[in-house]
Every structure is written in C-alpha cells, then in structure tokens.
C-alpha cells in the first residue's frame, strides 16, 4: 500500500490516508537530460533518500524535460502536478528574483546553510510560491566564458565582445549586456550544440563542468578566467505535499538533502578538476584577465545581478525588505581578497 503525493492537474487536491505504516511516495522531475552531470547529482540524492527511507518514504522520478518542459517545471510543482523538481532558480526568477542572491554568491550551500541563508530562501519560497526550498545542490562551481576564437582585449586589458555571437540566458544576461555590452542570442541548453555547429553562436557562458558532457568542446577552444557567479540548482517541493508528509519522512528527506549539499560540493569540484585536465589535453587554451580589468569584471558580475534582483524585488508585494539580508548571507567580501 502506498500513499501517493502527486496531485494530478488540480492543485491541492491530494488527500492523505491515515495509515501510519504506509510508505509515502514523492514524485519528481529534473530540468536537464539524465546524461548531464548535474542531473546525475540529483539522481544520486534520490538514491540516498530511497535507501535511507525504505519503508517510510521514496522518491519516484518521472523523468526530465521530456516529461515536463524544463521551463514549465516550476509551475508544475507549484500547481501540484508533480511533488518535487530539481531546477535552476533562474528558471522561475520572474516569480522569485531573490534567487539572484545564489547566482552572485561566492559562498557554498555549506556556509549558507550554517549562517541562515538557505532558511531565508526557504521562507521566501514558501511565502511567494507555496514551495518548500529543500536544498541548494551542486554549489561551489562557478561560470566561465568559453569562445571558439581567441578573445581580444582593449588597451586597458578589458575583454572586447564586439562582433561576438554570444549565447545568453537569464542567468547571466544582466552581466553580459549591462557590463560587457554584448548582443546576446538567448538559447536553451538543448539547442546550443546545434547553434555552435551551425555558427549561430561562437561563445557562451557555462559552468566549469559539463562542457564535455554536452560535447560543446568540439567547437569551443578558449576558456576565459576568472570565473564568475555560482550555480543556483536546487530542489523545490510543493508545500502542501511537503506538509502532508509524516514527520519521519520529512526528517529523512531533509537530512539527506543537507548531507547532499556537502557531498555535491566536494564531488563537483573533483569533477571540475578532472574536466579541466581533459580539456587541457584536448588543446583548450586558458586566457586570463589581469589587474584592474579582472577586478572590474568580477565586481560587475556581482553588482549587475544585484541591481537586477533589487529592481525585480521592488515590483513584488514583498518588496526589497530582504535585499540587504540576502547580500549579507550569500556574499563574503573577504572571500574575494
């Protein structure tokens, strides 16, 4: 006998049985294809929950973007069509601009779990979207610019982007357009390989890992340092579904999530080092900004995102009351020194 938490197409329609011994089931989908390293991390979390929760709670993965479109998944979990989603916060940034605190963070989930940052993000998710923010997975990995051709710099050492066909998306467009002055071409992840192949784009931002998994290294030959931003991948759960779980099931899932925050930081940093070594062997060249140009580049990456976050927060009923607190909890000025 199983107690199923999926709500079908009607939000809040789930009725929970009273049998204390029933194994509870959480339905889940993930934003990216199963082959991507980030999805593998989420599936590892699922395995850990299912092992620890045997007889109590299980996560049933229904698939990825082939099951529910990646950009539709945040609405699907909010509306109760599925119980759990693993996705970037940027995919629902219009409803919750506070996710930019994670994007511009120079800390990991480990520090922000300890200092109360994740608790605040969870509170905001619950108030704004009716979602439980379970955990910030796969943090501690940042983004680089990757280009087909050797990048050029002006007399002051600043990166020149004129004529660059730069793939953009919601994560870094504020930085690319407002500071770099780039004309971006917005493309979802699944379309980038073909765009590189056809020459539609010749540069992109992407995290330090996954380039090989996506096979973009077939076209991209330069990595620009320093890296900027942080991944904002997290697990969100329909709040009614979460509240309907037994206290024992909640504890198992939350405890495993907190441990996975730690485990994924270490695992993905090891993966980054391995990917960089493989890319070096394949001839990937590294170009580094120096001095004032480097400092301005990093400062702009943070500040342009913060500006976007504050502006979008001001448009919501909750306003900007949490703005200063988010910066305090997700950014450590000393860490960049």
Protein backbone atom coordinates (compact mmCIF):
# COMPACT_ATOMS: atom_id res chain seq x y z
CA UNK A 1 0.00 0.00 0.00
CA UNK A 2 1.42 3.36 -0.99
CA UNK A 3 0.41 6.88 -0.15
CA UNK A 4 0.92 8.94 -3.31
CA UNK A 5 1.62 12.65 -3.12
CA UNK A 6 1.01 13.59 -6.74
CA UNK A 7 -1.92 15.97 -7.04
CA UNK A 8 -2.71 15.42 -10.71
CA UNK A 9 -3.88 18.50 -12.53
CA UNK A 10 -5.72 20.11 -9.61
CA UNK A 11 -3.55 21.95 -7.11
CA UNK A 12 -4.12 20.95 -3.53
CA UNK A 13 -6.41 18.04 -4.37
CA UNK A 14 -4.34 15.34 -2.68
CA UNK A 15 -5.99 13.50 0.19
CA UNK A 16 -3.66 11.63 2.51
CA UNK A 17 -4.54 8.32 4.10
CA UNK A 18 -4.31 7.76 7.79
CA UNK A 19 -2.26 4.57 7.76
CA UNK A 20 0.85 5.36 9.74
CA UNK A 21 2.74 2.43 8.26
CA UNK A 22 2.19 3.34 4.60
CA UNK A 23 5.31 4.09 2.56
CA UNK A 24 4.93 7.60 1.21
CA UNK A 25 5.85 8.47 -2.38
CA UNK A 26 7.17 11.77 -3.72
CA UNK A 27 7.01 12.24 -7.49
CA UNK A 28 9.88 14.17 -9.07
CA UNK A 29 11.24 15.52 -12.35
CA UNK A 30 14.56 17.16 -13.24
CA UNK A 31 15.26 20.08 -15.55
CA UNK A 32 18.13 18.67 -17.59
CA UNK A 33 18.69 15.42 -19.51
CA UNK A 34 19.77 12.42 -17.49
CA UNK A 35 23.25 12.37 -19.05
CA UNK A 36 24.26 15.76 -17.64
CA UNK A 37 26.45 15.69 -14.53
CA UNK A 38 24.04 17.90 -12.59
CA UNK A 39 21.16 15.51 -13.20
CA UNK A 40 23.40 12.64 -12.12
CA UNK A 41 23.96 14.50 -8.87
CA UNK A 42 20.22 14.81 -8.30
CA UNK A 43 19.67 11.13 -9.09
CA UNK A 44 22.37 10.30 -6.55
CA UNK A 45 20.38 12.28 -3.97
CA UNK A 46 17.26 10.31 -4.92
CA UNK A 47 19.12 7.03 -4.42
CA UNK A 48 20.28 8.17 -0.98
CA UNK A 49 16.74 9.12 0.06
CA UNK A 50 15.32 5.85 -1.19
CA UNK A 51 17.93 3.89 0.70
CA UNK A 52 17.51 5.83 3.94
CA UNK A 53 13.73 5.97 3.58
CA UNK A 54 12.99 2.35 2.75
CA UNK A 55 9.58 1.51 4.19
CA UNK A 56 8.94 5.18 5.06
CA UNK A 57 9.37 7.43 2.02
CA UNK A 58 10.52 7.01 -1.58
CA UNK A 59 11.15 9.44 -4.44
CA UNK A 60 9.74 8.31 -7.77
CA UNK A 61 11.50 10.06 -10.66
CA UNK A 62 9.15 10.63 -13.59
CA UNK A 63 11.84 11.90 -15.97
CA UNK A 64 13.33 15.15 -17.17
CA UNK A 65 12.40 17.78 -19.75
CA UNK A 66 10.87 15.07 -21.94
CA UNK A 67 8.24 14.53 -19.21
CA UNK A 68 7.58 18.19 -18.39
CA UNK A 69 9.30 21.02 -20.26
CA UNK A 70 12.19 22.48 -18.26
CA UNK A 71 10.66 25.96 -18.14
CA UNK A 72 7.23 24.57 -17.21
CA UNK A 73 8.53 22.51 -14.28
CA UNK A 74 8.48 25.30 -11.63
CA UNK A 75 4.80 25.98 -12.38
CA UNK A 76 4.09 22.24 -12.39
CA UNK A 77 5.46 21.76 -8.87
CA UNK A 78 3.77 24.91 -7.61
CA UNK A 79 0.45 23.70 -9.03
CA UNK A 80 0.83 20.20 -7.61
CA UNK A 81 1.16 18.34 -10.90
CA UNK A 82 4.40 16.90 -9.56
CA UNK A 83 5.71 16.99 -5.99
CA UNK A 84 9.41 17.78 -6.47
CA UNK A 85 11.58 19.48 -9.09
CA UNK A 86 15.34 19.83 -9.40
CA UNK A 87 15.96 23.02 -11.36
CA UNK A 88 17.93 26.26 -11.53
CA UNK A 89 16.31 29.09 -9.62
CA UNK A 90 16.78 31.17 -12.75
CA UNK A 91 14.01 29.17 -14.43
CA UNK A 92 11.48 30.84 -12.12
CA UNK A 93 13.33 34.10 -11.49
CA UNK A 94 10.37 36.16 -12.63
CA UNK A 95 8.35 34.92 -9.67
CA UNK A 96 11.25 34.84 -7.24
CA UNK A 97 14.05 37.27 -8.13
CA UNK A 98 15.74 36.60 -4.79
CA UNK A 99 17.33 33.57 -6.48
CA UNK A 100 19.95 36.02 -7.81
CA UNK A 101 21.47 36.03 -4.33
CA UNK A 102 22.62 32.47 -5.06
CA UNK A 103 23.78 33.34 -8.59
CA UNK A 104 26.01 36.17 -7.37
CA UNK A 105 27.17 34.30 -4.27
CA UNK A 106 30.80 33.49 -3.57
CA UNK A 107 29.81 31.03 -0.83
CA UNK A 108 28.58 27.46 -1.00
CA UNK A 109 25.50 25.77 0.38
CA UNK A 110 27.61 24.63 3.31
CA UNK A 111 28.24 28.18 4.57
CA UNK A 112 24.80 29.50 3.71
CA UNK A 113 23.08 26.57 5.43
CA UNK A 114 25.08 27.39 8.56
CA UNK A 115 24.52 31.16 8.50
CA UNK A 116 20.77 31.01 7.85
CA UNK A 117 20.84 31.97 4.17
CA UNK A 118 19.09 28.84 2.95
CA UNK A 119 16.49 29.14 5.73
CA UNK A 120 15.70 32.65 4.44
CA UNK A 121 15.48 31.44 0.83
CA UNK A 122 13.14 28.66 2.01
CA UNK A 123 10.95 31.20 3.82
CA UNK A 124 10.73 33.36 0.69
CA UNK A 125 9.84 30.34 -1.47
CA UNK A 126 7.06 29.39 0.91
CA UNK A 127 5.62 32.90 1.07
CA UNK A 128 5.90 33.77 -2.63
CA UNK A 129 5.33 30.47 -4.39
CA UNK A 130 3.94 27.93 -1.95
CA UNK A 131 7.10 25.85 -2.29
CA UNK A 132 9.49 24.25 0.17
CA UNK A 133 13.10 25.01 -0.75
CA UNK A 134 14.68 21.72 0.22
CA UNK A 135 18.30 22.37 -0.62
CA UNK A 136 20.88 24.17 -2.76
CA UNK A 137 22.66 21.35 -4.58
CA UNK A 138 25.86 21.42 -6.63
CA UNK A 139 27.09 24.78 -5.34
CA UNK A 140 30.72 25.83 -5.25
CA UNK A 141 31.09 25.66 -9.04
CA UNK A 142 31.20 28.90 -11.00
CA UNK A 143 30.85 30.02 -14.62
CA UNK A 144 33.34 30.86 -17.33
CA UNK A 145 33.07 32.43 -20.73
CA UNK A 146 34.01 29.91 -23.44
CA UNK A 147 34.81 31.01 -27.01
CA UNK A 148 35.55 29.47 -30.38
CA UNK A 149 38.13 32.09 -31.38
CA UNK A 150 40.88 33.67 -29.31
CA UNK A 151 39.37 36.57 -27.32
CA UNK A 152 40.67 40.10 -27.77
CA UNK A 153 41.29 42.84 -25.21
CA UNK A 154 41.44 46.62 -25.32
CA UNK A 155 44.44 48.71 -24.27
CA UNK A 156 43.32 48.53 -20.62
CA UNK A 157 43.06 44.74 -20.68
CA UNK A 158 39.25 44.66 -20.77
CA UNK A 159 37.53 41.94 -22.74
CA UNK A 160 36.22 43.05 -26.13
CA UNK A 161 32.96 41.47 -27.26
CA UNK A 162 32.13 43.46 -30.40
CA UNK A 163 31.15 41.05 -33.14
CA UNK A 164 30.97 38.12 -30.74
CA UNK A 165 27.91 35.91 -31.26
CA UNK A 166 27.38 35.23 -27.59
CA UNK A 167 24.77 32.76 -26.37
CA UNK A 168 22.92 34.15 -23.40
CA UNK A 169 20.23 33.16 -20.96
CA UNK A 170 18.53 34.54 -17.87
CA UNK A 171 21.40 33.57 -15.56
CA UNK A 172 23.98 35.97 -16.92
CA UNK A 173 22.34 38.35 -19.37
CA UNK A 174 22.40 41.28 -16.95
CA UNK A 175 26.18 40.92 -16.76
CA UNK A 176 26.70 40.23 -20.47
CA UNK A 177 24.56 43.11 -21.70
CA UNK A 178 24.81 45.78 -18.98
CA UNK A 179 28.56 45.49 -18.37
CA UNK A 180 30.14 43.72 -21.33
CA UNK A 181 27.79 45.41 -23.77
CA UNK A 182 27.24 42.19 -25.67
CA UNK A 183 24.39 41.44 -28.04
CA UNK A 184 23.24 38.07 -26.82
CA UNK A 185 21.30 35.30 -28.50
CA UNK A 186 19.08 33.55 -25.97
CA UNK A 187 19.06 29.78 -26.38
CA UNK A 188 18.08 26.92 -24.07
CA UNK A 189 20.81 24.43 -23.21
CA UNK A 190 19.46 21.75 -25.53
CA UNK A 191 19.84 23.97 -28.61
CA UNK A 192 23.38 25.20 -28.04
CA UNK A 193 25.22 22.26 -29.66
CA UNK A 194 23.40 22.75 -32.96
CA UNK A 195 23.87 26.53 -32.72
CA UNK A 196 27.62 26.10 -32.27
CA UNK A 197 27.73 23.57 -35.08
CA UNK A 198 25.94 25.94 -37.49
CA UNK A 199 27.88 29.01 -36.37
CA UNK A 200 24.80 30.73 -34.96
CA UNK A 201 26.83 31.40 -31.80
CA UNK A 202 30.57 31.27 -31.22
CA UNK A 203 30.75 31.88 -27.47
CA UNK A 204 28.76 31.04 -24.37
CA UNK A 205 28.76 31.24 -20.64
CA UNK A 206 28.71 27.86 -18.91
CA UNK A 207 29.72 26.32 -15.65
CA UNK A 208 33.17 24.91 -15.02
CA UNK A 209 31.86 21.39 -15.54
CA UNK A 210 29.65 19.73 -18.12
CA UNK A 211 31.18 21.13 -21.31
CA UNK A 212 32.45 17.67 -22.26
CA UNK A 213 29.15 16.01 -21.34
CA UNK A 214 27.36 18.40 -23.69
CA UNK A 215 30.08 17.98 -26.38
CA UNK A 216 30.43 21.75 -26.73
CA UNK A 217 34.19 21.27 -26.51
CA UNK A 218 34.02 20.13 -30.13
CA UNK A 219 33.62 23.81 -31.06
CA UNK A 220 34.90 25.88 -28.13
CA UNK A 221 38.66 26.36 -27.82
CA UNK A 222 39.22 29.08 -25.18
CA UNK A 223 38.24 29.45 -21.54
CA UNK A 224 38.31 32.97 -20.14
CA UNK A 225 39.29 33.40 -16.50
CA UNK A 226 38.37 34.43 -13.88
CA UNK A 227 35.14 32.54 -13.36
CA UNK A 228 32.09 34.35 -12.06
CA UNK A 229 28.71 33.58 -10.46
CA UNK A 230 27.61 30.31 -8.89
CA UNK A 231 25.23 27.60 -9.95
CA UNK A 232 21.76 28.05 -8.43
CA UNK A 233 20.48 24.50 -8.79
CA UNK A 234 18.07 23.50 -6.08
CA UNK A 235 15.26 21.15 -5.13
CA UNK A 236 11.82 22.64 -4.64
CA UNK A 237 8.81 20.76 -3.27
CA UNK A 238 5.11 21.55 -3.40
CA UNK A 239 4.37 22.92 0.08
CA UNK A 240 1.08 21.05 0.50
CA UNK A 241 2.82 17.81 -0.46
CA UNK A 242 5.67 18.55 1.95
CA UNK A 243 3.33 19.38 4.83
CA UNK A 244 1.38 16.21 4.11
CA UNK A 245 4.42 14.00 4.72
CA UNK A 246 4.88 12.40 8.10
CA UNK A 247 7.43 13.99 10.41
CA UNK A 248 9.62 10.90 9.97
CA UNK A 249 9.55 11.17 6.17
CA UNK A 250 10.30 14.91 6.28
CA UNK A 251 13.30 14.33 8.53
CA UNK A 252 14.74 11.63 6.29
CA UNK A 253 14.40 13.71 3.12
CA UNK A 254 15.69 16.93 4.73
CA UNK A 255 18.64 15.24 6.44
CA UNK A 256 19.72 13.56 3.20
CA UNK A 257 19.35 16.87 1.34
CA UNK A 258 21.59 18.70 3.81
CA UNK A 259 24.23 15.99 3.55
CA UNK A 260 23.98 16.05 -0.25
CA UNK A 261 24.65 19.79 -0.21
CA UNK A 262 28.01 18.95 1.35
CA UNK A 263 28.70 15.87 -0.76
CA UNK A 264 27.89 17.60 -4.04
CA UNK A 265 30.28 20.50 -3.36
CA UNK A 266 33.15 18.06 -2.96
CA UNK A 267 32.12 15.80 -5.83
CA UNK A 268 31.66 18.56 -8.37
CA UNK A 269 34.91 20.30 -7.50
CA UNK A 270 36.67 16.99 -8.16
CA UNK A 271 34.73 16.71 -11.44
CA UNK A 272 35.78 20.26 -12.36
CA UNK A 273 39.45 19.43 -11.86
CA UNK A 274 39.05 16.27 -13.95
CA UNK A 275 37.21 18.13 -16.74
CA UNK A 276 39.82 20.88 -16.83
CA UNK A 277 42.60 18.30 -17.13
CA UNK A 278 40.82 16.57 -20.02
CA UNK A 279 40.14 19.85 -21.79
CA UNK A 280 43.78 20.86 -21.40
CA UNK A 281 44.82 17.57 -23.01
CA UNK A 282 42.47 18.30 -25.91
CA UNK A 283 44.07 21.69 -26.50
CA UNK A 284 41.74 24.04 -24.62
CA UNK A 285 43.58 27.32 -24.06
CA UNK A 286 43.07 29.50 -20.99
CA UNK A 287 43.09 33.30 -21.25
CA UNK A 288 43.08 35.33 -18.04
CA UNK A 289 42.09 38.92 -17.30
CA UNK A 290 44.57 40.66 -15.04
CA UNK A 291 44.75 43.53 -12.58
CA UNK A 292 42.08 46.22 -12.66
CA UNK A 293 40.33 44.62 -15.64
CA UNK A 294 39.91 41.41 -13.65
CA UNK A 295 38.65 43.24 -10.57
CA UNK A 296 36.13 45.26 -12.57
CA UNK A 297 34.93 42.14 -14.39
CA UNK A 298 34.20 40.31 -11.13
CA UNK A 299 32.65 43.36 -9.48
CA UNK A 300 30.34 43.94 -12.43
CA UNK A 301 29.22 40.30 -12.48
CA UNK A 302 28.00 40.63 -8.89
CA UNK A 303 26.66 44.17 -8.98
CA UNK A 304 24.72 43.85 -12.23
CA UNK A 305 22.96 40.79 -10.85
CA UNK A 306 22.26 42.51 -7.53
CA UNK A 307 20.85 45.51 -9.41
CA UNK A 308 18.57 43.23 -11.40
CA UNK A 309 17.50 41.42 -8.23
CA UNK A 310 16.70 44.62 -6.34
CA UNK A 311 14.75 46.08 -9.26
CA UNK A 312 12.63 42.94 -9.71
CA UNK A 313 12.08 42.58 -5.95
CA UNK A 314 10.72 46.13 -5.87
CA UNK A 315 7.98 45.08 -8.31
CA UNK A 316 6.68 42.35 -5.97
CA UNK A 317 4.35 42.85 -2.97
CA UNK A 318 7.06 41.67 -0.54
CA UNK A 319 9.30 44.45 -1.83
CA UNK A 320 13.02 44.78 -1.13
CA UNK A 321 12.91 44.14 2.60
CA UNK A 322 15.15 41.07 2.34
CA UNK A 323 17.64 42.60 -0.10
CA UNK A 324 20.35 43.65 2.37
CA UNK A 325 19.98 40.44 4.38
CA UNK A 326 20.39 38.29 1.27
CA UNK A 327 23.62 40.07 0.34
CA UNK A 328 24.87 39.64 3.90
CA UNK A 329 24.16 35.90 3.95
CA UNK A 330 25.23 34.97 0.41
CA UNK A 331 28.29 37.15 -0.15
CA UNK A 332 31.53 37.37 1.78
CA UNK A 333 33.66 40.34 0.71
CA UNK A 334 36.73 38.85 2.38
CA UNK A 335 36.48 35.69 0.27
CA UNK A 336 37.39 37.63 -2.90
CA UNK A 337 40.51 39.19 -1.45
